[in-house]
Amino acid sequence: MKTRAETFAWNVKNQLGKVHRVASLEKVPALVRRLAEQLGLEPKAVVAAASDLKDLNWKGLEVEHRPAGIEDVLGISRAMAGIAETGTLVFASGKSNPPSLNFIPEYSIAIVRESELVDTSEEVWVILREKQPFPATINMVTGPSRTGDIEQTLFLGAHGPRELHVVMVKS
């Protein structure tokens, strides 16, 4: 039987997302640097100001903690949960985690802890009901942006990120 993390990872990949696993949050900046290099991107990103991301050592990357703009190519955000049954990321909007990071940059990297994974979407709503204050916006993202409207050919990045990278943090 698959673990919750294995099921989540399988479903993210099934929705054309890419999954990376790290042992701790401190390993995220090095992974992001490697990804930027592999993708042929400049080593710069717009990063959520969530405290656990803002306090990381981003040496080697030029980072700004602000909402994403049309000129931004790489956005890094913090998911509050991941839904194993669908491979869906759940983002609670706020000043430190603006929704623009999930939808504007061409490449999106979402950070989620394995301990924040749930089995079903119903479990997310239970968690959200306890969240105070309740977020102004909840965004659920399943895979990169895509469309099949053009001659019924799958096209990634039509209305948002062309690639979604999910970083699952063990601890």
Protein backbone atom coordinates (compact mmCIF):
# COMPACT_ATOMS: atom_id res chain seq x y z
CA MET A 1 0.00 0.00 0.00
CA LYS A 2 1.29 3.47 -0.91
CA THR A 3 1.90 6.07 1.77
CA ARG A 4 0.06 9.40 1.61
CA ALA A 5 3.24 11.09 0.33
CA GLU A 6 3.70 8.45 -2.39
CA THR A 7 0.08 8.78 -3.49
CA PHE A 8 0.35 12.57 -3.57
CA ALA A 9 3.59 12.43 -5.59
CA TRP A 10 2.12 9.91 -8.05
CA ASN A 11 -0.94 12.10 -8.62
CA VAL A 12 1.14 15.29 -9.04
CA LYS A 13 3.17 13.51 -11.73
CA ASN A 14 -0.01 12.14 -13.30
CA GLN A 15 -1.18 15.77 -13.69
CA LEU A 16 2.12 16.70 -15.42
CA GLY A 17 3.72 18.26 -12.35
CA LYS A 18 7.24 17.46 -11.23
CA VAL A 19 8.02 16.28 -7.70
CA HIS A 20 11.20 16.83 -5.70
CA ARG A 21 11.78 15.62 -2.17
CA VAL A 22 14.11 17.19 0.38
CA ALA A 23 14.94 16.20 3.94
CA SER A 24 14.46 19.68 5.40
CA LEU A 25 13.35 23.18 4.51
CA GLU A 26 16.97 24.35 4.65
CA LYS A 27 17.66 22.21 1.53
CA VAL A 28 15.10 24.12 -0.59
CA PRO A 29 17.34 27.01 -1.79
CA ALA A 30 20.00 24.63 -3.15
CA LEU A 31 17.31 22.64 -4.97
CA VAL A 32 15.84 25.84 -6.43
CA ARG A 33 19.30 26.93 -7.64
CA ARG A 34 19.78 23.56 -9.36
CA LEU A 35 16.32 23.72 -10.95
CA ALA A 36 16.90 27.24 -12.24
CA GLU A 37 20.18 26.11 -13.78
CA GLN A 38 18.61 22.98 -15.35
CA LEU A 39 15.78 25.08 -16.79
CA GLY A 40 18.23 27.63 -18.17
CA LEU A 41 16.82 30.42 -16.01
CA GLU A 42 18.57 33.34 -14.37
CA PRO A 43 19.23 32.59 -10.69
CA LYS A 44 16.46 34.88 -9.45
CA ALA A 45 12.97 34.32 -8.10
CA VAL A 46 10.01 35.93 -6.44
CA VAL A 47 9.48 34.13 -3.14
CA ALA A 48 6.58 34.12 -0.70
CA ALA A 49 7.36 36.08 2.45
CA ALA A 50 6.01 33.23 4.59
CA SER A 51 8.30 33.15 7.60
CA ASP A 52 9.63 29.65 6.98
CA LEU A 53 10.71 30.65 3.44
CA LYS A 54 11.82 34.20 4.15
CA ASP A 55 14.27 33.05 6.81
CA LEU A 56 16.08 30.57 4.53
CA ASN A 57 19.59 31.19 3.21
CA TRP A 58 18.93 32.03 -0.45
CA LYS A 59 22.65 32.62 -1.21
CA GLY A 60 23.33 32.26 -4.91
CA LEU A 61 19.81 33.33 -5.83
CA GLU A 62 18.53 36.85 -6.21
CA VAL A 63 15.20 36.75 -4.37
CA GLU A 64 12.50 39.29 -3.74
CA HIS A 65 9.65 38.78 -1.30
CA ARG A 66 6.67 40.39 -3.05
CA PRO A 67 3.70 39.56 -5.27
CA ALA A 68 4.64 38.29 -8.73
CA GLY A 69 4.46 40.52 -11.79
CA ILE A 70 4.30 39.78 -15.49
CA GLU A 71 8.11 40.11 -15.76
CA ASP A 72 8.76 37.34 -13.22
CA VAL A 73 9.79 33.95 -14.60
CA LEU A 74 10.21 31.90 -11.40
CA GLY A 75 7.80 32.05 -8.46
CA ILE A 76 8.12 30.16 -5.18
CA SER A 77 5.11 29.82 -2.93
CA ARG A 78 4.08 27.98 0.21
CA ALA A 79 1.18 25.53 0.06
CA MET A 80 -0.78 25.06 3.26
CA ALA A 81 -1.73 21.51 2.24
CA GLY A 82 -1.56 18.89 -0.46
CA ILE A 83 -4.42 16.52 -1.32
CA ALA A 84 -3.14 13.00 -1.94
CA GLU A 85 -6.14 11.65 -3.89
CA THR A 86 -5.76 14.28 -6.63
CA GLY A 87 -2.22 15.68 -6.33
CA THR A 88 -3.74 19.10 -5.63
CA LEU A 89 -1.93 21.89 -3.80
CA VAL A 90 -3.94 24.17 -1.51
CA PHE A 91 -2.84 27.78 -1.09
CA ALA A 92 -4.26 30.15 1.53
CA SER A 93 -3.75 33.69 0.33
CA GLY A 94 -2.36 36.40 2.52
CA LYS A 95 0.12 39.22 2.65
CA SER A 96 3.00 36.75 3.06
CA ASN A 97 1.76 34.32 0.36
CA PRO A 98 0.15 36.28 -2.50
CA PRO A 99 -1.82 34.23 -5.08
CA SER A 100 0.06 35.90 -7.95
CA LEU A 101 3.05 33.64 -7.16
CA ASN A 102 0.99 30.60 -8.20
CA PHE A 103 -0.38 31.96 -11.45
CA ILE A 104 1.86 34.57 -13.11
CA PRO A 105 5.45 33.25 -13.36
CA GLU A 106 6.21 30.84 -16.19
CA TYR A 107 7.72 28.39 -13.69
CA SER A 108 6.09 27.74 -10.33
CA ILE A 109 7.70 26.02 -7.37
CA ALA A 110 5.41 25.10 -4.50
CA ILE A 111 6.71 24.03 -1.10
CA VAL A 112 4.65 21.65 1.06
CA ARG A 113 5.63 19.63 4.10
CA GLU A 114 4.77 15.93 4.08
CA SER A 115 3.07 16.47 7.44
CA GLU A 116 0.66 18.88 5.69
CA LEU A 117 -0.60 16.27 3.23
CA VAL A 118 -4.17 15.04 3.65
CA ASP A 119 -6.03 12.22 1.94
CA THR A 120 -9.10 14.09 0.65
CA SER A 121 -10.32 17.60 -0.12
CA GLU A 122 -12.88 17.32 2.68
CA GLU A 123 -10.02 17.24 5.19
CA VAL A 124 -8.73 20.57 3.86
CA TRP A 125 -12.03 22.29 4.70
CA VAL A 126 -11.86 21.00 8.27
CA ILE A 127 -8.38 22.53 8.62
CA LEU A 128 -9.52 25.79 7.02
CA ARG A 129 -12.51 26.17 9.34
CA GLU A 130 -10.05 26.27 12.24
CA LYS A 131 -7.77 28.83 10.55
CA GLN A 132 -8.10 32.32 12.02
CA PRO A 133 -8.44 34.66 10.40
CA PHE A 134 -9.98 32.77 7.50
CA PRO A 135 -7.99 33.47 4.31
CA ALA A 136 -9.53 35.86 1.79
CA THR A 137 -8.79 33.40 -1.01
CA ILE A 138 -8.20 29.67 -1.22
CA ASN A 139 -6.60 28.46 -4.44
CA MET A 140 -6.40 24.80 -5.38
CA VAL A 141 -3.86 23.98 -8.07
CA THR A 142 -3.63 20.62 -9.82
CA GLY A 143 -0.73 20.53 -12.27
CA PRO A 144 0.61 23.23 -14.58
CA SER A 145 -1.65 25.46 -16.66
CA ARG A 146 -2.89 23.69 -19.78
CA THR A 147 -5.41 23.81 -22.57
CA GLY A 148 -6.48 21.55 -25.40
CA ASP A 149 -8.51 24.24 -27.16
CA ILE A 150 -6.05 24.73 -30.01
CA GLU A 151 -6.71 21.93 -32.52
CA GLN A 152 -7.23 19.62 -29.51
CA THR A 153 -3.49 19.61 -28.88
CA LEU A 154 -2.34 19.78 -25.27
CA PHE A 155 -0.53 23.06 -24.68
CA LEU A 156 1.13 23.82 -21.31
CA GLY A 157 1.39 27.36 -19.95
CA ALA A 158 -1.64 28.78 -21.72
CA HIS A 159 -3.11 30.59 -18.72
CA GLY A 160 -0.34 30.38 -16.13
CA PRO A 161 2.80 28.42 -15.32
CA ARG A 162 4.04 26.03 -17.99
CA GLU A 163 5.79 23.97 -15.32
CA LEU A 164 4.80 23.17 -11.76
CA HIS A 165 7.48 21.84 -9.44
CA VAL A 166 6.33 20.54 -6.07
CA VAL A 167 8.93 20.33 -3.34
CA MET A 168 7.90 17.93 -0.61
CA VAL A 169 9.74 18.56 2.64
CA LYS A 170 10.19 15.55 4.90
CA SER A 171 10.40 17.47 8.20
